[in-house]
Amino acid sequence: WHDLIDVNAGRIATGEATIEEVGWEIFRLILEVA
C-alpha cells in the first residue's frame, strides 16, 4: 500500500530504523500536516 501508508514503522523490526528515529519522523510529519 505504497500510496496509502504515510510512515513505515516496519523498518524497526528489521533493524533499519530505531523506535526513536521513527518517533521523530512521526512528530515532524504531524507538524507538517497540521
PDB file of all heavy atoms in Angstrom:
ATOM      1  N   TRP A   1       0.842  -1.204   0.000  1.00  0.00           N
ATOM      2  CA  TRP A   1       0.000   0.000   0.000  1.00  0.00           C
ATOM      3  C   TRP A   1       0.873   1.248   0.000  1.00  0.00           C
ATOM      4  O   TRP A   1       0.745   2.107   0.860  1.00  0.00           O
ATOM      5  CB  TRP A   1      -0.920  -0.022   1.222  1.00  0.00           C
ATOM      6  CG  TRP A   1      -2.106  -0.928   1.064  1.00  0.00           C
ATOM      7  CD1 TRP A   1      -2.279  -1.909   0.129  1.00  0.00           C
ATOM      8  CD2 TRP A   1      -3.291  -0.929   1.873  1.00  0.00           C
ATOM      9  NE1 TRP A   1      -3.497  -2.529   0.296  1.00  0.00           N
ATOM     10  CE2 TRP A   1      -4.138  -1.947   1.360  1.00  0.00           C
ATOM     11  CE3 TRP A   1      -3.705  -0.184   2.958  1.00  0.00           C
ATOM     12  CZ2 TRP A   1      -5.382  -2.213   1.915  1.00  0.00           C
ATOM     13  CZ3 TRP A   1      -4.960  -0.463   3.515  1.00  0.00           C
ATOM     14  CH2 TRP A   1      -5.778  -1.465   2.993  1.00  0.00           C
ATOM     15  N   HIS A   2       1.738   1.338  -0.977  1.00  0.00           N
ATOM     16  CA  HIS A   2       2.707   2.431  -1.031  1.00  0.00           C
ATOM     17  C   HIS A   2       2.052   3.793  -1.177  1.00  0.00           C
ATOM     18  O   HIS A   2       2.668   4.820  -0.846  1.00  0.00           O
ATOM     19  CB  HIS A   2       3.680   2.196  -2.196  1.00  0.00           C
ATOM     20  CG  HIS A   2       2.982   2.073  -3.526  1.00  0.00           C
ATOM     21  ND1 HIS A   2       2.731   3.140  -4.340  1.00  0.00           N
ATOM     22  CD2 HIS A   2       2.450   0.986  -4.150  1.00  0.00           C
ATOM     23  CE1 HIS A   2       2.085   2.741  -5.422  1.00  0.00           C
ATOM     24  NE2 HIS A   2       1.899   1.430  -5.336  1.00  0.00           N
ATOM     25  N   ASP A   3       0.809   3.840  -1.681  1.00  0.00           N
ATOM     26  CA  ASP A   3       0.129   5.108  -1.855  1.00  0.00           C
ATOM     27  C   ASP A   3      -1.045   5.282  -0.874  1.00  0.00           C
ATOM     28  O   ASP A   3      -1.990   6.007  -1.121  1.00  0.00           O
ATOM     29  CB  ASP A   3      -0.371   5.273  -3.294  1.00  0.00           C
ATOM     30  CG  ASP A   3      -1.181   4.085  -3.795  1.00  0.00           C
ATOM     31  OD1 ASP A   3      -1.403   3.133  -3.012  1.00  0.00           O
ATOM     32  OD2 ASP A   3      -1.592   4.110  -4.963  1.00  0.00           O
ATOM     33  N   LEU A   4      -0.941   4.573   0.271  1.00  0.00           N
ATOM     34  CA  LEU A   4      -1.911   4.738   1.350  1.00  0.00           C
ATOM     35  C   LEU A   4      -1.239   4.890   2.714  1.00  0.00           C
ATOM     36  O   LEU A   4      -1.826   5.462   3.635  1.00  0.00           O
ATOM     37  CB  LEU A   4      -2.873   3.538   1.407  1.00  0.00           C
ATOM     38  CG  LEU A   4      -3.928   3.457   0.299  1.00  0.00           C
ATOM     39  CD1 LEU A   4      -4.625   2.106   0.329  1.00  0.00           C
ATOM     40  CD2 LEU A   4      -4.942   4.576   0.436  1.00  0.00           C
ATOM     41  N   ILE A   5      -0.025   4.365   2.856  1.00  0.00           N
ATOM     42  CA  ILE A   5       0.711   4.419   4.123  1.00  0.00           C
ATOM     43  C   ILE A   5       1.633   5.632   4.126  1.00  0.00           C
ATOM     44  O   ILE A   5       2.383   5.858   3.175  1.00  0.00           O
ATOM     45  CB  ILE A   5       1.533   3.131   4.335  1.00  0.00           C
ATOM     46  CG1 ILE A   5       0.597   1.913   4.421  1.00  0.00           C
ATOM     47  CG2 ILE A   5       2.404   3.246   5.582  1.00  0.00           C
ATOM     48  CD1 ILE A   5      -0.368   1.925   5.584  1.00  0.00           C
ATOM     49  N   ASP A   6       1.584   6.412   5.199  1.00  0.00           N
ATOM     50  CA  ASP A   6       2.379   7.643   5.293  1.00  0.00           C
ATOM     51  C   ASP A   6       3.729   7.431   5.962  1.00  0.00           C
ATOM     52  O   ASP A   6       4.701   8.098   5.624  1.00  0.00           O
ATOM     53  CB  ASP A   6       1.590   8.713   6.067  1.00  0.00           C
ATOM     54  CG  ASP A   6       0.259   9.017   5.415  1.00  0.00           C
ATOM     55  OD1 ASP A   6       0.276   9.551   4.284  1.00  0.00           O
ATOM     56  OD2 ASP A   6      -0.797   8.713   6.008  1.00  0.00           O
ATOM     57  N   VAL A   7       3.787   6.531   6.944  1.00  0.00           N
ATOM     58  CA  VAL A   7       5.036   6.267   7.666  1.00  0.00           C
ATOM     59  C   VAL A   7       5.194   4.755   7.805  1.00  0.00           C
ATOM     60  O   VAL A   7       4.264   4.058   8.209  1.00  0.00           O
ATOM     61  CB  VAL A   7       5.026   6.911   9.072  1.00  0.00           C
ATOM     62  CG1 VAL A   7       6.313   6.566   9.823  1.00  0.00           C
ATOM     63  CG2 VAL A   7       4.860   8.420   8.974  1.00  0.00           C
ATOM     64  N   ASN A   8       6.387   4.254   7.495  1.00  0.00           N
ATOM     65  CA  ASN A   8       6.668   2.829   7.613  1.00  0.00           C
ATOM     66  C   ASN A   8       7.447   2.566   8.891  1.00  0.00           C
ATOM     67  O   ASN A   8       8.645   2.821   8.969  1.00  0.00           O
ATOM     68  CB  ASN A   8       7.471   2.339   6.404  1.00  0.00           C
ATOM     69  CG  ASN A   8       7.847   0.869   6.529  1.00  0.00           C
ATOM     70  OD1 ASN A   8       7.233   0.122   7.278  1.00  0.00           O
ATOM     71  ND2 ASN A   8       8.884   0.455   5.794  1.00  0.00           N
ATOM     72  N   ALA A   9       6.753   2.037   9.904  1.00  0.00           N
ATOM     73  CA  ALA A   9       7.437   1.662  11.144  1.00  0.00           C
ATOM     74  C   ALA A   9       7.956   0.235  11.087  1.00  0.00           C
ATOM     75  O   ALA A   9       8.631  -0.213  12.015  1.00  0.00           O
ATOM     76  CB  ALA A   9       6.490   1.824  12.332  1.00  0.00           C
ATOM     77  N   GLY A  10       7.663  -0.483  10.001  1.00  0.00           N
ATOM     78  CA  GLY A  10       8.161  -1.841   9.860  1.00  0.00           C
ATOM     79  C   GLY A  10       9.676  -1.915   9.838  1.00  0.00           C
ATOM     80  O   GLY A  10      10.258  -2.963  10.133  1.00  0.00           O
ATOM     81  N   ARG A  11      10.316  -0.796   9.502  1.00  0.00           N
ATOM     82  CA  ARG A  11      11.788  -0.754   9.489  1.00  0.00           C
ATOM     83  C   ARG A  11      12.381  -1.037  10.865  1.00  0.00           C
ATOM     84  O   ARG A  11      13.542  -1.447  10.982  1.00  0.00           O
ATOM     85  CB  ARG A  11      12.248   0.622   9.007  1.00  0.00           C
ATOM     86  CG  ARG A  11      11.874   0.956   7.566  1.00  0.00           C
ATOM     87  CD  ARG A  11      12.161   2.406   7.247  1.00  0.00           C
ATOM     88  NE  ARG A  11      11.269   3.297   7.988  1.00  0.00           N
ATOM     89  CZ  ARG A  11      11.586   4.533   8.354  1.00  0.00           C
ATOM     90  NH1 ARG A  11      12.786   5.013   8.083  1.00  0.00           N
ATOM     91  NH2 ARG A  11      10.720   5.266   9.013  1.00  0.00           N
ATOM     92  N   ILE A  12      11.591  -0.832  11.915  1.00  0.00           N
ATOM     93  CA  ILE A  12      12.078  -1.109  13.271  1.00  0.00           C
ATOM     94  C   ILE A  12      12.305  -2.603  13.451  1.00  0.00           C
ATOM     95  O   ILE A  12      13.305  -3.035  14.046  1.00  0.00           O
ATOM     96  CB  ILE A  12      11.071  -0.567  14.314  1.00  0.00           C
ATOM     97  CG1 ILE A  12      10.975   0.955  14.222  1.00  0.00           C
ATOM     98  CG2 ILE A  12      11.462  -0.991  15.728  1.00  0.00           C
ATOM     99  CD1 ILE A  12       9.814   1.553  14.997  1.00  0.00           C
ATOM    100  N   ALA A  13      11.401  -3.424  12.919  1.00  0.00           N
ATOM    101  CA  ALA A  13      11.506  -4.879  13.083  1.00  0.00           C
ATOM    102  C   ALA A  13      12.733  -5.441  12.391  1.00  0.00           C
ATOM    103  O   ALA A  13      13.320  -6.429  12.857  1.00  0.00           O
ATOM    104  CB  ALA A  13      10.248  -5.554  12.553  1.00  0.00           C
ATOM    105  N   THR A  14      13.131  -4.855  11.269  1.00  0.00           N
ATOM    106  CA  THR A  14      14.272  -5.372  10.516  1.00  0.00           C
ATOM    107  C   THR A  14      15.571  -4.653  10.847  1.00  0.00           C
ATOM    108  O   THR A  14      16.603  -4.920  10.229  1.00  0.00           O
ATOM    109  CB  THR A  14      13.998  -5.249   9.006  1.00  0.00           C
ATOM    110  OG1 THR A  14      13.623  -3.905   8.695  1.00  0.00           O
ATOM    111  CG2 THR A  14      12.874  -6.181   8.589  1.00  0.00           C
ATOM    112  N   GLY A  15      15.529  -3.732  11.806  1.00  0.00           N
ATOM    113  CA  GLY A  15      16.745  -3.061  12.233  1.00  0.00           C
ATOM    114  C   GLY A  15      17.190  -1.929  11.337  1.00  0.00           C
ATOM    115  O   GLY A  15      18.294  -1.403  11.490  1.00  0.00           O
ATOM    116  N   GLU A  16      16.344  -1.506  10.400  1.00  0.00           N
ATOM    117  CA  GLU A  16      16.705  -0.403   9.507  1.00  0.00           C
ATOM    118  C   GLU A  16      16.500   0.963  10.151  1.00  0.00           C
ATOM    119  O   GLU A  16      16.997   1.971   9.654  1.00  0.00           O
ATOM    120  CB  GLU A  16      15.872  -0.494   8.228  1.00  0.00           C
ATOM    121  CG  GLU A  16      16.068  -1.781   7.453  1.00  0.00           C
ATOM    122  CD  GLU A  16      14.964  -1.993   6.432  1.00  0.00           C
ATOM    123  OE1 GLU A  16      15.066  -1.396   5.339  1.00  0.00           O
ATOM    124  OE2 GLU A  16      14.016  -2.743   6.724  1.00  0.00           O
ATOM    125  N   ALA A  17      15.727   1.016  11.234  1.00  0.00           N
ATOM    126  CA  ALA A  17      15.486   2.267  11.945  1.00  0.00           C
ATOM    127  C   ALA A  17      15.180   1.935  13.398  1.00  0.00           C
ATOM    128  O   ALA A  17      14.789   0.802  13.724  1.00  0.00           O
ATOM    129  CB  ALA A  17      14.316   3.043  11.320  1.00  0.00           C
ATOM    130  N   THR A  18      15.344   2.905  14.264  1.00  0.00           N
ATOM    131  CA  THR A  18      15.030   2.718  15.673  1.00  0.00           C
ATOM    132  C   THR A  18      13.651   3.294  15.986  1.00  0.00           C
ATOM    133  O   THR A  18      13.093   4.075  15.201  1.00  0.00           O
ATOM    134  CB  THR A  18      16.069   3.413  16.565  1.00  0.00           C
ATOM    135  OG1 THR A  18      15.986   4.838  16.356  1.00  0.00           O
ATOM    136  CG2 THR A  18      17.479   2.939  16.254  1.00  0.00           C
ATOM    137  N   ILE A  19      13.130   2.918  17.132  1.00  0.00           N
ATOM    138  CA  ILE A  19      11.859   3.486  17.597  1.00  0.00           C
ATOM    139  C   ILE A  19      11.965   5.003  17.681  1.00  0.00           C
ATOM    140  O   ILE A  19      11.055   5.738  17.267  1.00  0.00           O
ATOM    141  CB  ILE A  19      11.470   2.882  18.963  1.00  0.00           C
ATOM    142  CG1 ILE A  19      11.077   1.423  18.795  1.00  0.00           C
ATOM    143  CG2 ILE A  19      10.356   3.688  19.626  1.00  0.00           C
ATOM    144  CD1 ILE A  19      10.908   0.670  20.103  1.00  0.00           C
ATOM    145  N   GLU A  20      13.077   5.488  18.189  1.00  0.00           N
ATOM    146  CA  GLU A  20      13.274   6.934  18.338  1.00  0.00           C
ATOM    147  C   GLU A  20      13.280   7.641  16.993  1.00  0.00           C
ATOM    148  O   GLU A  20      12.662   8.707  16.841  1.00  0.00           O
ATOM    149  CB  GLU A  20      14.589   7.213  19.091  1.00  0.00           C
ATOM    150  CG  GLU A  20      14.589   6.775  20.547  1.00  0.00           C
ATOM    151  CD  GLU A  20      14.857   5.283  20.723  1.00  0.00           C
ATOM    152  OE1 GLU A  20      15.096   4.573  19.704  1.00  0.00           O
ATOM    153  OE2 GLU A  20      14.810   4.813  21.878  1.00  0.00           O
ATOM    154  N   GLU A  21      13.960   7.058  16.007  1.00  0.00           N
ATOM    155  CA  GLU A  21      14.023   7.691  14.686  1.00  0.00           C
ATOM    156  C   GLU A  21      12.644   7.778  14.043  1.00  0.00           C
ATOM    157  O   GLU A  21      12.268   8.824  13.491  1.00  0.00           O
ATOM    158  CB  GLU A  21      14.989   6.898  13.783  1.00  0.00           C
ATOM    159  CG  GLU A  21      16.448   7.077  14.157  1.00  0.00           C
ATOM    160  CD  GLU A  21      17.363   6.085  13.463  1.00  0.00           C
ATOM    161  OE1 GLU A  21      16.852   5.094  12.880  1.00  0.00           O
ATOM    162  OE2 GLU A  21      18.591   6.283  13.512  1.00  0.00           O
ATOM    163  N   VAL A  22      11.868   6.698  14.118  1.00  0.00           N
ATOM    164  CA  VAL A  22      10.528   6.731  13.533  1.00  0.00           C
ATOM    165  C   VAL A  22       9.618   7.643  14.352  1.00  0.00           C
ATOM    166  O   VAL A  22       8.762   8.337  13.797  1.00  0.00           O
ATOM    167  CB  VAL A  22       9.954   5.311  13.420  1.00  0.00           C
ATOM    168  CG1 VAL A  22       8.544   5.345  12.829  1.00  0.00           C
ATOM    169  CG2 VAL A  22      10.852   4.429  12.550  1.00  0.00           C
ATOM    170  N   GLY A  23       9.808   7.684  15.669  1.00  0.00           N
ATOM    171  CA  GLY A  23       9.026   8.590  16.504  1.00  0.00           C
ATOM    172  C   GLY A  23       9.236  10.050  16.127  1.00  0.00           C
ATOM    173  O   GLY A  23       8.271  10.822  16.018  1.00  0.00           O
ATOM    174  N   TRP A  24      10.480  10.424  15.904  1.00  0.00           N
ATOM    175  CA  TRP A  24      10.757  11.804  15.451  1.00  0.00           C
ATOM    176  C   TRP A  24      10.159  12.060  14.066  1.00  0.00           C
ATOM    177  O   TRP A  24       9.656  13.150  13.787  1.00  0.00           O
ATOM    178  CB  TRP A  24      12.263  12.054  15.420  1.00  0.00           C
ATOM    179  CG  TRP A  24      12.828  12.542  16.730  1.00  0.00           C
ATOM    180  CD1 TRP A  24      13.579  11.837  17.617  1.00  0.00           C
ATOM    181  CD2 TRP A  24      12.664  13.850  17.284  1.00  0.00           C
ATOM    182  NE1 TRP A  24      13.901  12.621  18.700  1.00  0.00           N
ATOM    183  CE2 TRP A  24      13.368  13.857  18.523  1.00  0.00           C
ATOM    184  CE3 TRP A  24      12.008  15.008  16.874  1.00  0.00           C
ATOM    185  CZ2 TRP A  24      13.415  14.992  19.333  1.00  0.00           C
ATOM    186  CZ3 TRP A  24      12.054  16.134  17.682  1.00  0.00           C
ATOM    187  CH2 TRP A  24      12.743  16.124  18.889  1.00  0.00           C
ATOM    188  N   GLU A  25      10.212  11.060  13.196  1.00  0.00           N
ATOM    189  CA  GLU A  25       9.619  11.207  11.860  1.00  0.00           C
ATOM    190  C   GLU A  25       8.123  11.494  11.963  1.00  0.00           C
ATOM    191  O   GLU A  25       7.586  12.375  11.265  1.00  0.00           O
ATOM    192  CB  GLU A  25       9.866   9.933  11.047  1.00  0.00           C
ATOM    193  CG  GLU A  25       9.322   9.976   9.635  1.00  0.00           C
ATOM    194  CD  GLU A  25       9.558   8.680   8.870  1.00  0.00           C
ATOM    195  OE1 GLU A  25      10.339   7.827   9.351  1.00  0.00           O
ATOM    196  OE2 GLU A  25       8.936   8.502   7.799  1.00  0.00           O
ATOM    197  N   ILE A  26       7.438  10.756  12.842  1.00  0.00           N
ATOM    198  CA  ILE A  26       6.007  10.971  13.036  1.00  0.00           C
ATOM    199  C   ILE A  26       5.750  12.352  13.619  1.00  0.00           C
ATOM    200  O   ILE A  26       4.838  13.071  13.173  1.00  0.00           O
ATOM    201  CB  ILE A  26       5.423   9.868  13.941  1.00  0.00           C
ATOM    202  CG1 ILE A  26       5.495   8.516  13.238  1.00  0.00           C
ATOM    203  CG2 ILE A  26       3.979  10.187  14.340  1.00  0.00           C
ATOM    204  CD1 ILE A  26       5.237   7.324  14.147  1.00  0.00           C
ATOM    205  N   PHE A  27       6.522  12.744  14.613  1.00  0.00           N
ATOM    206  CA  PHE A  27       6.363  14.064  15.241  1.00  0.00           C
ATOM    207  C   PHE A  27       6.503  15.184  14.212  1.00  0.00           C
ATOM    208  O   PHE A  27       5.653  16.086  14.139  1.00  0.00           O
ATOM    209  CB  PHE A  27       7.415  14.220  16.344  1.00  0.00           C
ATOM    210  CG  PHE A  27       7.467  15.581  16.975  1.00  0.00           C
ATOM    211  CD1 PHE A  27       6.524  15.972  17.915  1.00  0.00           C
ATOM    212  CD2 PHE A  27       8.471  16.486  16.635  1.00  0.00           C
ATOM    213  CE1 PHE A  27       6.575  17.235  18.508  1.00  0.00           C
ATOM    214  CE2 PHE A  27       8.532  17.740  17.216  1.00  0.00           C
ATOM    215  CZ  PHE A  27       7.580  18.114  18.159  1.00  0.00           C
ATOM    216  N   ARG A  28       7.530  15.120  13.408  1.00  0.00           N
ATOM    217  CA  ARG A  28       7.747  16.169  12.401  1.00  0.00           C
ATOM    218  C   ARG A  28       6.656  16.157  11.341  1.00  0.00           C
ATOM    219  O   ARG A  28       6.216  17.217  10.871  1.00  0.00           O
ATOM    220  CB  ARG A  28       9.128  15.997  11.765  1.00  0.00           C
ATOM    221  CG  ARG A  28      10.284  16.252  12.739  1.00  0.00           C
ATOM    222  CD  ARG A  28      11.631  16.282  12.014  1.00  0.00           C
ATOM    223  NE  ARG A  28      12.712  16.590  12.935  1.00  0.00           N
ATOM    224  CZ  ARG A  28      13.538  15.680  13.473  1.00  0.00           C
ATOM    225  NH1 ARG A  28      13.387  14.393  13.164  1.00  0.00           N
ATOM    226  NH2 ARG A  28      14.493  16.039  14.300  1.00  0.00           N
ATOM    227  N   LEU A  29       6.183  14.963  10.966  1.00  0.00           N
ATOM    228  CA  LEU A  29       5.112  14.871   9.966  1.00  0.00           C
ATOM    229  C   LEU A  29       3.817  15.472  10.519  1.00  0.00           C
ATOM    230  O   LEU A  29       3.074  16.135   9.786  1.00  0.00           O
ATOM    231  CB  LEU A  29       4.902  13.416   9.549  1.00  0.00           C
ATOM    232  CG  LEU A  29       3.811  13.173   8.491  1.00  0.00           C
ATOM    233  CD1 LEU A  29       4.077  13.975   7.224  1.00  0.00           C
ATOM    234  CD2 LEU A  29       3.703  11.685   8.174  1.00  0.00           C
ATOM    235  N   ILE A  30       3.540  15.262  11.791  1.00  0.00           N
ATOM    236  CA  ILE A  30       2.345  15.862  12.407  1.00  0.00           C
ATOM    237  C   ILE A  30       2.380  17.376  12.240  1.00  0.00           C
ATOM    238  O   ILE A  30       1.368  17.994  11.872  1.00  0.00           O
ATOM    239  CB  ILE A  30       2.259  15.484  13.907  1.00  0.00           C
ATOM    240  CG1 ILE A  30       1.891  14.009  14.067  1.00  0.00           C
ATOM    241  CG2 ILE A  30       1.233  16.369  14.630  1.00  0.00           C
ATOM    242  CD1 ILE A  30       2.025  13.494  15.488  1.00  0.00           C
ATOM    243  N   LEU A  31       3.518  17.987  12.484  1.00  0.00           N
ATOM    244  CA  LEU A  31       3.622  19.452  12.368  1.00  0.00           C
ATOM    245  C   LEU A  31       3.469  19.902  10.915  1.00  0.00           C
ATOM    246  O   LEU A  31       2.852  20.944  10.651  1.00  0.00           O
ATOM    247  CB  LEU A  31       4.957  19.928  12.945  1.00  0.00           C
ATOM    248  CG  LEU A  31       5.216  19.603  14.420  1.00  0.00           C
ATOM    249  CD1 LEU A  31       6.472  20.316  14.907  1.00  0.00           C
ATOM    250  CD2 LEU A  31       4.027  19.976  15.293  1.00  0.00           C
ATOM    251  N   GLU A  32       4.019  19.132   9.980  1.00  0.00           N
ATOM    252  CA  GLU A  32       3.859  19.472   8.563  1.00  0.00           C
ATOM    253  C   GLU A  32       2.398  19.370   8.129  1.00  0.00           C
ATOM    254  O   GLU A  32       1.883  20.228   7.410  1.00  0.00           O
ATOM    255  CB  GLU A  32       4.727  18.544   7.705  1.00  0.00           C
ATOM    256  CG  GLU A  32       6.222  18.799   7.827  1.00  0.00           C
ATOM    257  CD  GLU A  32       6.594  20.177   7.318  1.00  0.00           C
ATOM    258  OE1 GLU A  32       6.389  20.452   6.123  1.00  0.00           O
ATOM    259  OE2 GLU A  32       7.082  20.988   8.139  1.00  0.00           O
ATOM    260  N   VAL A  33       1.738  18.310   8.564  1.00  0.00           N
ATOM    261  CA  VAL A  33       0.331  18.101   8.209  1.00  0.00           C
ATOM    262  C   VAL A  33      -0.544  19.155   8.878  1.00  0.00           C
ATOM    263  O   VAL A  33      -1.452  19.731   8.249  1.00  0.00           O
ATOM    264  CB  VAL A  33      -0.108  16.683   8.599  1.00  0.00           C
ATOM    265  CG1 VAL A  33      -1.620  16.532   8.513  1.00  0.00           C
ATOM    266  CG2 VAL A  33       0.576  15.655   7.703  1.00  0.00           C
ATOM    267  N   ALA A  34      -0.294  19.444  10.149  1.00  0.00           N
ATOM    268  CA  ALA A  34      -1.075  20.455  10.867  1.00  0.00           C
ATOM    269  C   ALA A  34      -0.926  21.824  10.219  1.00  0.00           C
ATOM    270  O   ALA A  34      -1.855  22.643  10.246  1.00  0.00           O
ATOM    271  CB  ALA A  34      -0.639  20.514  12.330  1.00  0.00           C
TER     272      ALA A  34
END
